[in-house]
Amino acid sequence: MSTTDVIVENGNRMMTHAKVVVEGVELTFADDCKGVIPFADLPEIGKFENLARIELPNPYAVFLFDLNGKSVELPWDFARHFCDSSYQLRVEEVATEGRQAFGKRVRQLREAASLTQDKLAKAAGIGRVTLVRIERGEQSPRYENIIALADALGVPPERLLVTSA
C-alpha cells in the first residue's frame, strides 16, 4: 500500500486554528496553509494590547473582540490572502472568467436580436463604450446595467448571469 496525502476538499476555505501572536492573528487552514494577518491590517483592533479575545466558532470566520467588547469578523477569504500569495491571483482569474462569460452572453444575445452595440446601448440607457467594455469582459456591469441590458434584450436577468444548460 502506498501512502499519499489526502487533502480536505475546499480546505482552502476552512480555518482550523487561530491564535494571537504579537505581530497579529496567526491562522492555519485545513490544507496546512498558514499565515499572519498583521494588526496593521486590522484597524478595528490596531495593536496586540487592544485585543481581549479571539474565537473560531466555525471553519469560515474568526471573530476578534476588543477591550470594549466590540467584535470584528474575519471571513475565510479575507484571511486566505495573508496565508497564500497565489490566492489573490486565483480570485482575479475567476473574476476575469466571469466577466468574459457575461460579456459573451450579452454579445450573443445582442447579435441574435440583430442589434448593433449602439442600438443596444441606447435601448439600455448606457454608453456604447461601457457596452463594448462589458462585452469584452473588461468591465463588470453594475446591477442596474444588468437589469437594463436584460430589459433591452427582452430576456430575464438570469439569462445574462447563468450559462444555459
N, C-alpha and C. Protein backbone atom coordinates (compact mmCIF):
# COMPACT_ATOMS: atom_id res chain seq x y z
N MET A 1 0.86 -1.18 0.00
CA MET A 1 0.00 0.00 0.00
C MET A 1 0.89 1.23 0.00
N SER A 2 0.60 2.16 -0.90
CA SER A 2 1.38 3.39 -0.95
C SER A 2 0.68 4.47 -0.12
N THR A 3 1.46 5.39 0.36
CA THR A 3 0.88 6.49 1.13
C THR A 3 0.79 7.71 0.24
N THR A 4 -0.28 8.40 0.37
CA THR A 4 -0.49 9.65 -0.37
C THR A 4 -1.09 10.67 0.57
N ASP A 5 -0.88 11.92 0.24
CA ASP A 5 -1.50 12.98 1.02
C ASP A 5 -2.98 13.06 0.65
N VAL A 6 -3.79 13.20 1.65
CA VAL A 6 -5.22 13.40 1.43
C VAL A 6 -5.53 14.80 1.95
N ILE A 7 -6.13 15.59 1.09
CA ILE A 7 -6.44 16.98 1.45
C ILE A 7 -7.96 17.12 1.54
N VAL A 8 -8.41 17.84 2.52
CA VAL A 8 -9.83 18.12 2.68
C VAL A 8 -10.32 18.93 1.47
N GLU A 9 -11.40 18.47 0.87
CA GLU A 9 -11.97 19.23 -0.24
C GLU A 9 -12.38 20.61 0.26
N ASN A 10 -12.03 21.64 -0.48
CA ASN A 10 -12.28 23.04 -0.11
C ASN A 10 -11.57 23.42 1.18
N GLY A 11 -10.46 22.74 1.45
CA GLY A 11 -9.67 23.06 2.64
C GLY A 11 -9.16 24.49 2.62
N ASN A 12 -9.05 25.06 1.43
CA ASN A 12 -8.59 26.45 1.33
C ASN A 12 -9.62 27.42 1.90
N ARG A 13 -10.81 26.94 2.19
CA ARG A 13 -11.86 27.79 2.75
C ARG A 13 -12.04 27.59 4.26
N MET A 14 -11.40 26.57 4.81
CA MET A 14 -11.66 26.20 6.20
C MET A 14 -10.47 26.51 7.10
N MET A 15 -10.72 27.35 8.07
CA MET A 15 -9.69 27.66 9.07
C MET A 15 -9.81 26.65 10.20
N THR A 16 -8.68 26.10 10.58
CA THR A 16 -8.69 25.08 11.63
C THR A 16 -8.06 25.57 12.93
N HIS A 17 -7.27 26.62 12.87
CA HIS A 17 -6.58 27.09 14.05
C HIS A 17 -6.36 28.59 13.95
N ALA A 18 -6.59 29.29 15.03
CA ALA A 18 -6.34 30.73 15.09
C ALA A 18 -5.75 31.05 16.45
N LYS A 19 -4.70 31.86 16.43
CA LYS A 19 -4.12 32.30 17.69
C LYS A 19 -3.55 33.69 17.51
N VAL A 20 -3.44 34.37 18.62
CA VAL A 20 -2.89 35.72 18.63
C VAL A 20 -1.40 35.64 18.88
N VAL A 21 -0.66 36.34 18.05
CA VAL A 21 0.78 36.50 18.24
C VAL A 21 1.03 38.01 18.28
N VAL A 22 2.18 38.41 18.73
CA VAL A 22 2.47 39.84 18.88
C VAL A 22 2.28 40.59 17.56
N GLU A 23 2.62 39.95 16.44
CA GLU A 23 2.52 40.60 15.14
C GLU A 23 1.08 40.72 14.62
N GLY A 24 0.19 39.82 15.05
CA GLY A 24 -1.17 39.81 14.54
C GLY A 24 -1.89 38.53 14.88
N VAL A 25 -2.74 38.09 13.97
CA VAL A 25 -3.52 36.87 14.16
C VAL A 25 -2.96 35.81 13.23
N GLU A 26 -2.51 34.71 13.81
CA GLU A 26 -1.96 33.61 13.03
C GLU A 26 -3.07 32.61 12.75
N LEU A 27 -3.20 32.23 11.48
CA LEU A 27 -4.26 31.32 11.06
C LEU A 27 -3.67 30.13 10.33
N THR A 28 -4.33 28.98 10.49
CA THR A 28 -3.98 27.79 9.75
C THR A 28 -5.24 27.27 9.10
N PHE A 29 -5.11 26.89 7.83
CA PHE A 29 -6.23 26.35 7.07
C PHE A 29 -6.12 24.83 7.01
N ALA A 30 -7.22 24.18 6.63
CA ALA A 30 -7.28 22.72 6.58
C ALA A 30 -6.29 22.12 5.59
N ASP A 31 -5.84 22.90 4.62
CA ASP A 31 -4.85 22.39 3.67
C ASP A 31 -3.42 22.74 4.10
N ASP A 32 -3.25 23.06 5.39
CA ASP A 32 -1.97 23.37 6.02
C ASP A 32 -1.35 24.70 5.60
N CYS A 33 -2.10 25.52 4.90
CA CYS A 33 -1.61 26.85 4.57
C CYS A 33 -1.69 27.69 5.85
N LYS A 34 -0.63 28.44 6.13
CA LYS A 34 -0.56 29.18 7.38
C LYS A 34 -0.03 30.59 7.11
N GLY A 35 -0.50 31.55 7.87
CA GLY A 35 -0.01 32.92 7.74
C GLY A 35 -0.48 33.79 8.89
N VAL A 36 -0.03 35.04 8.86
CA VAL A 36 -0.36 36.00 9.92
C VAL A 36 -1.01 37.23 9.29
N ILE A 37 -2.14 37.62 9.85
CA ILE A 37 -2.76 38.88 9.48
C ILE A 37 -2.21 39.92 10.44
N PRO A 38 -1.42 40.86 9.94
CA PRO A 38 -0.82 41.86 10.84
C PRO A 38 -1.88 42.79 11.45
N PHE A 39 -1.64 43.23 12.67
CA PHE A 39 -2.57 44.17 13.30
C PHE A 39 -2.71 45.45 12.48
N ALA A 40 -1.69 45.80 11.71
CA ALA A 40 -1.76 46.99 10.85
C ALA A 40 -2.89 46.85 9.83
N ASP A 41 -3.25 45.62 9.45
CA ASP A 41 -4.34 45.37 8.51
C ASP A 41 -5.68 45.12 9.22
N LEU A 42 -5.69 45.31 10.52
CA LEU A 42 -6.91 45.17 11.34
C LEU A 42 -7.13 46.47 12.11
N PRO A 43 -7.52 47.55 11.41
CA PRO A 43 -7.61 48.86 12.08
C PRO A 43 -8.61 48.90 13.23
N GLU A 44 -9.60 48.02 13.22
CA GLU A 44 -10.58 47.99 14.31
C GLU A 44 -9.92 47.57 15.63
N ILE A 45 -8.86 46.79 15.54
CA ILE A 45 -8.12 46.34 16.72
C ILE A 45 -6.87 47.19 16.90
N GLY A 46 -6.11 47.36 15.84
CA GLY A 46 -4.95 48.25 15.87
C GLY A 46 -3.65 47.64 16.37
N LYS A 47 -3.70 47.09 17.58
CA LYS A 47 -2.48 46.50 18.13
C LYS A 47 -2.81 45.40 19.12
N PHE A 48 -1.82 44.60 19.41
CA PHE A 48 -1.94 43.45 20.28
C PHE A 48 -2.64 43.79 21.60
N GLU A 49 -2.26 44.90 22.20
CA GLU A 49 -2.79 45.28 23.52
C GLU A 49 -4.29 45.57 23.52
N ASN A 50 -4.88 45.84 22.35
CA ASN A 50 -6.31 46.16 22.26
C ASN A 50 -7.20 44.94 22.11
N LEU A 51 -6.59 43.77 21.94
CA LEU A 51 -7.36 42.55 21.71
C LEU A 51 -7.67 41.85 23.02
N ALA A 52 -8.96 41.62 23.28
CA ALA A 52 -9.38 40.94 24.51
C ALA A 52 -9.46 39.43 24.33
N ARG A 53 -10.03 38.99 23.17
CA ARG A 53 -10.13 37.55 22.94
C ARG A 53 -10.35 37.28 21.45
N ILE A 54 -10.19 36.01 21.11
CA ILE A 54 -10.36 35.55 19.73
C ILE A 54 -11.20 34.29 19.76
N GLU A 55 -12.09 34.15 18.76
CA GLU A 55 -12.93 32.95 18.67
C GLU A 55 -12.94 32.44 17.24
N LEU A 56 -12.96 31.15 17.09
CA LEU A 56 -13.10 30.48 15.80
C LEU A 56 -14.32 29.56 15.92
N PRO A 57 -15.54 30.15 15.82
CA PRO A 57 -16.76 29.36 16.06
C PRO A 57 -17.10 28.39 14.94
N ASN A 58 -16.54 28.63 13.77
CA ASN A 58 -16.76 27.74 12.64
C ASN A 58 -15.55 27.85 11.72
N PRO A 59 -15.42 26.97 10.73
CA PRO A 59 -14.21 26.99 9.90
C PRO A 59 -14.10 28.16 8.93
N TYR A 60 -15.13 29.01 8.88
CA TYR A 60 -15.19 30.04 7.85
C TYR A 60 -15.03 31.47 8.36
N ALA A 61 -14.96 31.65 9.66
CA ALA A 61 -14.82 33.01 10.20
C ALA A 61 -14.14 32.99 11.56
N VAL A 62 -13.29 33.98 11.76
CA VAL A 62 -12.65 34.22 13.05
C VAL A 62 -13.24 35.52 13.57
N PHE A 63 -13.50 35.57 14.88
CA PHE A 63 -14.00 36.79 15.50
C PHE A 63 -12.99 37.30 16.50
N LEU A 64 -12.69 38.58 16.38
CA LEU A 64 -11.80 39.25 17.32
C LEU A 64 -12.64 40.19 18.17
N PHE A 65 -12.33 40.27 19.45
CA PHE A 65 -13.07 41.15 20.36
C PHE A 65 -12.08 42.11 21.00
N ASP A 66 -12.42 43.40 20.91
CA ASP A 66 -11.53 44.39 21.54
C ASP A 66 -11.86 44.53 23.02
N LEU A 67 -11.15 45.38 23.71
CA LEU A 67 -11.34 45.54 25.16
C LEU A 67 -12.71 46.08 25.52
N ASN A 68 -13.40 46.73 24.58
CA ASN A 68 -14.75 47.25 24.83
C ASN A 68 -15.84 46.25 24.48
N GLY A 69 -15.45 45.06 24.03
CA GLY A 69 -16.42 44.02 23.69
C GLY A 69 -16.90 44.08 22.25
N LYS A 70 -16.43 45.05 21.46
CA LYS A 70 -16.82 45.12 20.05
C LYS A 70 -16.12 44.01 19.29
N SER A 71 -16.87 43.42 18.34
CA SER A 71 -16.30 42.30 17.58
C SER A 71 -15.98 42.70 16.15
N VAL A 72 -15.00 42.00 15.61
CA VAL A 72 -14.61 42.16 14.21
C VAL A 72 -14.59 40.75 13.61
N GLU A 73 -15.31 40.58 12.51
CA GLU A 73 -15.34 39.28 11.83
C GLU A 73 -14.29 39.26 10.73
N LEU A 74 -13.52 38.18 10.69
CA LEU A 74 -12.54 37.96 9.63
C LEU A 74 -12.99 36.74 8.84
N PRO A 75 -13.66 36.94 7.70
CA PRO A 75 -14.10 35.79 6.90
C PRO A 75 -12.91 35.08 6.27
N TRP A 76 -13.10 33.83 5.91
CA TRP A 76 -12.02 32.99 5.40
C TRP A 76 -11.34 33.61 4.19
N ASP A 77 -12.12 34.24 3.28
CA ASP A 77 -11.50 34.75 2.07
C ASP A 77 -10.61 35.97 2.32
N PHE A 78 -10.96 36.76 3.34
CA PHE A 78 -10.09 37.87 3.74
C PHE A 78 -8.79 37.31 4.31
N ALA A 79 -8.92 36.31 5.16
CA ALA A 79 -7.75 35.72 5.82
C ALA A 79 -6.86 34.96 4.85
N ARG A 80 -7.44 34.34 3.86
CA ARG A 80 -6.69 33.45 2.98
C ARG A 80 -5.55 34.17 2.25
N HIS A 81 -5.78 35.38 1.80
CA HIS A 81 -4.72 36.02 1.02
C HIS A 81 -3.50 36.39 1.87
N PHE A 82 -3.64 36.41 3.20
CA PHE A 82 -2.49 36.63 4.07
C PHE A 82 -1.68 35.35 4.24
N CYS A 83 -2.30 34.22 3.91
CA CYS A 83 -1.66 32.92 4.09
C CYS A 83 -1.18 32.30 2.79
N ASP A 84 -1.67 32.80 1.68
CA ASP A 84 -1.40 32.16 0.39
C ASP A 84 -1.22 33.24 -0.67
N SER A 85 0.01 33.48 -1.07
CA SER A 85 0.29 34.57 -2.01
C SER A 85 -0.35 34.35 -3.37
N SER A 86 -0.68 33.12 -3.73
CA SER A 86 -1.30 32.86 -5.03
C SER A 86 -2.82 33.01 -4.99
N TYR A 87 -3.40 33.17 -3.81
CA TYR A 87 -4.85 33.22 -3.69
C TYR A 87 -5.45 34.39 -4.46
N GLN A 88 -4.91 35.58 -4.29
CA GLN A 88 -5.45 36.77 -4.95
C GLN A 88 -5.43 36.60 -6.47
N LEU A 89 -4.36 36.03 -6.99
CA LEU A 89 -4.25 35.80 -8.42
C LEU A 89 -5.36 34.86 -8.89
N ARG A 90 -5.61 33.79 -8.13
CA ARG A 90 -6.68 32.85 -8.50
C ARG A 90 -8.04 33.52 -8.46
N VAL A 91 -8.28 34.38 -7.47
CA VAL A 91 -9.55 35.10 -7.37
C VAL A 91 -9.72 36.02 -8.58
N GLU A 92 -8.66 36.71 -8.95
CA GLU A 92 -8.72 37.60 -10.11
C GLU A 92 -8.97 36.82 -11.40
N GLU A 93 -8.38 35.64 -11.53
CA GLU A 93 -8.60 34.81 -12.72
C GLU A 93 -10.06 34.39 -12.82
N VAL A 94 -10.65 33.99 -11.70
CA VAL A 94 -12.06 33.59 -11.69
C VAL A 94 -12.95 34.79 -12.04
N ALA A 95 -12.63 35.96 -11.51
CA ALA A 95 -13.41 37.16 -11.81
C ALA A 95 -13.32 37.49 -13.30
N THR A 96 -12.13 37.37 -13.87
CA THR A 96 -11.94 37.65 -15.29
C THR A 96 -12.76 36.68 -16.13
N GLU A 97 -12.73 35.40 -15.77
CA GLU A 97 -13.52 34.40 -16.49
C GLU A 97 -15.01 34.73 -16.42
N GLY A 98 -15.47 35.16 -15.25
CA GLY A 98 -16.88 35.52 -15.09
C GLY A 98 -17.27 36.72 -15.93
N ARG A 99 -16.42 37.75 -15.94
CA ARG A 99 -16.70 38.94 -16.77
C ARG A 99 -16.74 38.57 -18.25
N GLN A 100 -15.79 37.72 -18.67
CA GLN A 100 -15.74 37.33 -20.07
C GLN A 100 -16.96 36.49 -20.46
N ALA A 101 -17.37 35.59 -19.60
CA ALA A 101 -18.55 34.76 -19.89
C ALA A 101 -19.81 35.64 -19.97
N PHE A 102 -19.92 36.59 -19.05
CA PHE A 102 -21.07 37.50 -19.07
C PHE A 102 -21.07 38.30 -20.37
N GLY A 103 -19.92 38.87 -20.72
CA GLY A 103 -19.81 39.65 -21.95
C GLY A 103 -20.15 38.84 -23.18
N LYS A 104 -19.72 37.60 -23.21
CA LYS A 104 -20.01 36.72 -24.35
C LYS A 104 -21.51 36.48 -24.48
N ARG A 105 -22.19 36.26 -23.34
CA ARG A 105 -23.64 36.05 -23.37
C ARG A 105 -24.36 37.30 -23.87
N VAL A 106 -23.93 38.47 -23.41
CA VAL A 106 -24.56 39.72 -23.86
C VAL A 106 -24.36 39.86 -25.37
N ARG A 107 -23.15 39.65 -25.85
CA ARG A 107 -22.86 39.79 -27.29
C ARG A 107 -23.69 38.79 -28.11
N GLN A 108 -23.77 37.53 -27.65
CA GLN A 108 -24.55 36.53 -28.38
C GLN A 108 -26.03 36.92 -28.45
N LEU A 109 -26.57 37.38 -27.34
CA LEU A 109 -27.98 37.77 -27.33
C LEU A 109 -28.20 39.02 -28.18
N ARG A 110 -27.27 39.95 -28.15
CA ARG A 110 -27.38 41.18 -28.96
C ARG A 110 -27.37 40.81 -30.45
N GLU A 111 -26.43 39.95 -30.84
CA GLU A 111 -26.34 39.55 -32.24
C GLU A 111 -27.56 38.75 -32.67
N ALA A 112 -28.08 37.89 -31.79
CA ALA A 112 -29.28 37.11 -32.10
C ALA A 112 -30.49 38.03 -32.30
N ALA A 113 -30.48 39.17 -31.62
CA ALA A 113 -31.57 40.14 -31.76
C ALA A 113 -31.31 41.12 -32.90
N SER A 114 -30.21 40.91 -33.62
CA SER A 114 -29.81 41.79 -34.73
C SER A 114 -29.69 43.24 -34.31
N LEU A 115 -29.08 43.45 -33.14
CA LEU A 115 -28.86 44.81 -32.64
C LEU A 115 -27.38 45.16 -32.75
N THR A 116 -27.12 46.41 -33.08
CA THR A 116 -25.75 46.89 -33.03
C THR A 116 -25.44 47.25 -31.58
N GLN A 117 -24.17 47.42 -31.28
CA GLN A 117 -23.80 47.86 -29.94
C GLN A 117 -24.42 49.21 -29.63
N ASP A 118 -24.44 50.09 -30.61
CA ASP A 118 -25.01 51.42 -30.40
C ASP A 118 -26.50 51.33 -30.06
N LYS A 119 -27.25 50.51 -30.80
CA LYS A 119 -28.70 50.38 -30.56
C LYS A 119 -28.98 49.76 -29.18
N LEU A 120 -28.22 48.72 -28.83
CA LEU A 120 -28.45 48.09 -27.52
C LEU A 120 -28.08 49.06 -26.40
N ALA A 121 -26.97 49.74 -26.55
CA ALA A 121 -26.55 50.70 -25.51
C ALA A 121 -27.62 51.77 -25.31
N LYS A 122 -28.14 52.30 -26.40
CA LYS A 122 -29.20 53.33 -26.28
C LYS A 122 -30.46 52.76 -25.64
N ALA A 123 -30.86 51.55 -26.06
CA ALA A 123 -32.06 50.92 -25.50
C ALA A 123 -31.91 50.65 -24.01
N ALA A 124 -30.67 50.34 -23.59
CA ALA A 124 -30.42 50.04 -22.17
C ALA A 124 -30.09 51.30 -21.37
N GLY A 125 -29.87 52.42 -22.06
CA GLY A 125 -29.55 53.66 -21.36
C GLY A 125 -28.14 53.69 -20.80
N ILE A 126 -27.22 53.00 -21.49
CA ILE A 126 -25.82 53.01 -21.06
C ILE A 126 -24.97 53.51 -22.23
N GLY A 127 -23.76 53.88 -21.96
CA GLY A 127 -22.86 54.33 -23.01
C GLY A 127 -22.39 53.17 -23.87
N ARG A 128 -22.15 53.45 -25.16
CA ARG A 128 -21.67 52.41 -26.06
C ARG A 128 -20.31 51.89 -25.61
N VAL A 129 -19.45 52.78 -25.13
CA VAL A 129 -18.12 52.35 -24.66
C VAL A 129 -18.26 51.40 -23.47
N THR A 130 -19.21 51.68 -22.59
CA THR A 130 -19.47 50.79 -21.46
C THR A 130 -19.89 49.42 -21.96
N LEU A 131 -20.80 49.39 -22.95
CA LEU A 131 -21.23 48.11 -23.52
C LEU A 131 -20.06 47.37 -24.16
N VAL A 132 -19.22 48.08 -24.89
CA VAL A 132 -18.05 47.45 -25.51
C VAL A 132 -17.17 46.81 -24.44
N ARG A 133 -16.92 47.53 -23.36
CA ARG A 133 -16.08 47.01 -22.28
C ARG A 133 -16.72 45.80 -21.60
N ILE A 134 -18.03 45.85 -21.43
CA ILE A 134 -18.74 44.71 -20.83
C ILE A 134 -18.63 43.50 -21.76
N GLU A 135 -18.88 43.69 -23.05
CA GLU A 135 -18.82 42.56 -23.98
C GLU A 135 -17.42 41.97 -24.09
N ARG A 136 -16.40 42.77 -23.93
CA ARG A 136 -15.02 42.29 -23.98
C ARG A 136 -14.58 41.65 -22.67
N GLY A 137 -15.40 41.77 -21.64
CA GLY A 137 -15.03 41.23 -20.33
C GLY A 137 -14.05 42.10 -19.58
N GLU A 138 -13.94 43.35 -19.98
CA GLU A 138 -13.01 44.29 -19.35
C GLU A 138 -13.63 45.01 -18.16
N GLN A 139 -14.94 44.99 -18.07
CA GLN A 139 -15.63 45.74 -17.03
C GLN A 139 -16.79 44.91 -16.49
N SER A 140 -16.95 44.93 -15.18
CA SER A 140 -18.10 44.28 -14.56
C SER A 140 -19.28 45.24 -14.62
N PRO A 141 -20.43 44.74 -15.01
CA PRO A 141 -21.60 45.63 -15.06
C PRO A 141 -22.16 45.89 -13.67
N ARG A 142 -22.67 47.07 -13.46
CA ARG A 142 -23.40 47.36 -12.23
C ARG A 142 -24.75 46.62 -12.30
N TYR A 143 -25.34 46.41 -11.15
CA TYR A 143 -26.63 45.71 -11.09
C TYR A 143 -27.66 46.39 -11.98
N GLU A 144 -27.72 47.71 -11.93
CA GLU A 144 -28.69 48.46 -12.73
C GLU A 144 -28.48 48.21 -14.22
N ASN A 145 -27.22 48.08 -14.63
CA ASN A 145 -26.93 47.83 -16.04
C ASN A 145 -27.31 46.42 -16.47
N ILE A 146 -27.18 45.47 -15.55
CA ILE A 146 -27.61 44.10 -15.86
C ILE A 146 -29.11 44.09 -16.13
N ILE A 147 -29.86 44.75 -15.27
CA ILE A 147 -31.32 44.82 -15.43
C ILE A 147 -31.68 45.54 -16.73
N ALA A 148 -31.01 46.66 -17.00
CA ALA A 148 -31.30 47.45 -18.21
C ALA A 148 -30.96 46.66 -19.47
N LEU A 149 -29.83 45.96 -19.48
CA LEU A 149 -29.47 45.15 -20.64
C LEU A 149 -30.46 44.01 -20.85
N ALA A 150 -30.85 43.35 -19.78
CA ALA A 150 -31.83 42.26 -19.89
C ALA A 150 -33.15 42.79 -20.45
N ASP A 151 -33.61 43.93 -19.92
CA ASP A 151 -34.86 44.52 -20.43
C ASP A 151 -34.74 44.87 -21.91
N ALA A 152 -33.63 45.48 -22.28
CA ALA A 152 -33.43 45.88 -23.68
C ALA A 152 -33.34 44.68 -24.61
N LEU A 153 -32.83 43.57 -24.11
CA LEU A 153 -32.72 42.35 -24.91
C LEU A 153 -33.97 41.48 -24.84
N GLY A 154 -34.89 41.83 -23.93
CA GLY A 154 -36.13 41.07 -23.79
C GLY A 154 -35.94 39.71 -23.15
N VAL A 155 -34.97 39.64 -22.23
CA VAL A 155 -34.71 38.37 -21.54
C VAL A 155 -34.70 38.63 -20.04
N PRO A 156 -34.94 37.59 -19.23
CA PRO A 156 -34.82 37.79 -17.79
C PRO A 156 -33.34 37.98 -17.42
N PRO A 157 -33.04 38.72 -16.37
CA PRO A 157 -31.65 38.94 -15.97
C PRO A 157 -30.86 37.65 -15.76
N GLU A 158 -31.53 36.60 -15.30
CA GLU A 158 -30.87 35.33 -15.08
C GLU A 158 -30.22 34.80 -16.35
N ARG A 159 -30.81 35.12 -17.48
CA ARG A 159 -30.27 34.65 -18.77
C ARG A 159 -28.89 35.23 -19.04
N LEU A 160 -28.65 36.44 -18.52
CA LEU A 160 -27.34 37.06 -18.68
C LEU A 160 -26.33 36.53 -17.66
N LEU A 161 -26.83 36.11 -16.52
CA LEU A 161 -25.95 35.73 -15.42
C LEU A 161 -25.57 34.26 -15.39
N VAL A 162 -26.39 33.41 -15.95
CA VAL A 162 -26.19 31.97 -15.84
C VAL A 162 -26.11 31.35 -17.23
N THR A 163 -25.11 30.53 -17.43
CA THR A 163 -24.99 29.81 -18.68
C THR A 163 -26.13 28.81 -18.77
N SER A 164 -26.87 28.82 -19.87
CA SER A 164 -27.96 27.87 -20.00
C SER A 164 -27.43 26.48 -20.29
N ALA A 165 -28.12 25.50 -19.75
CA ALA A 165 -27.69 24.11 -19.90
C ALA A 165 -28.10 23.55 -21.23
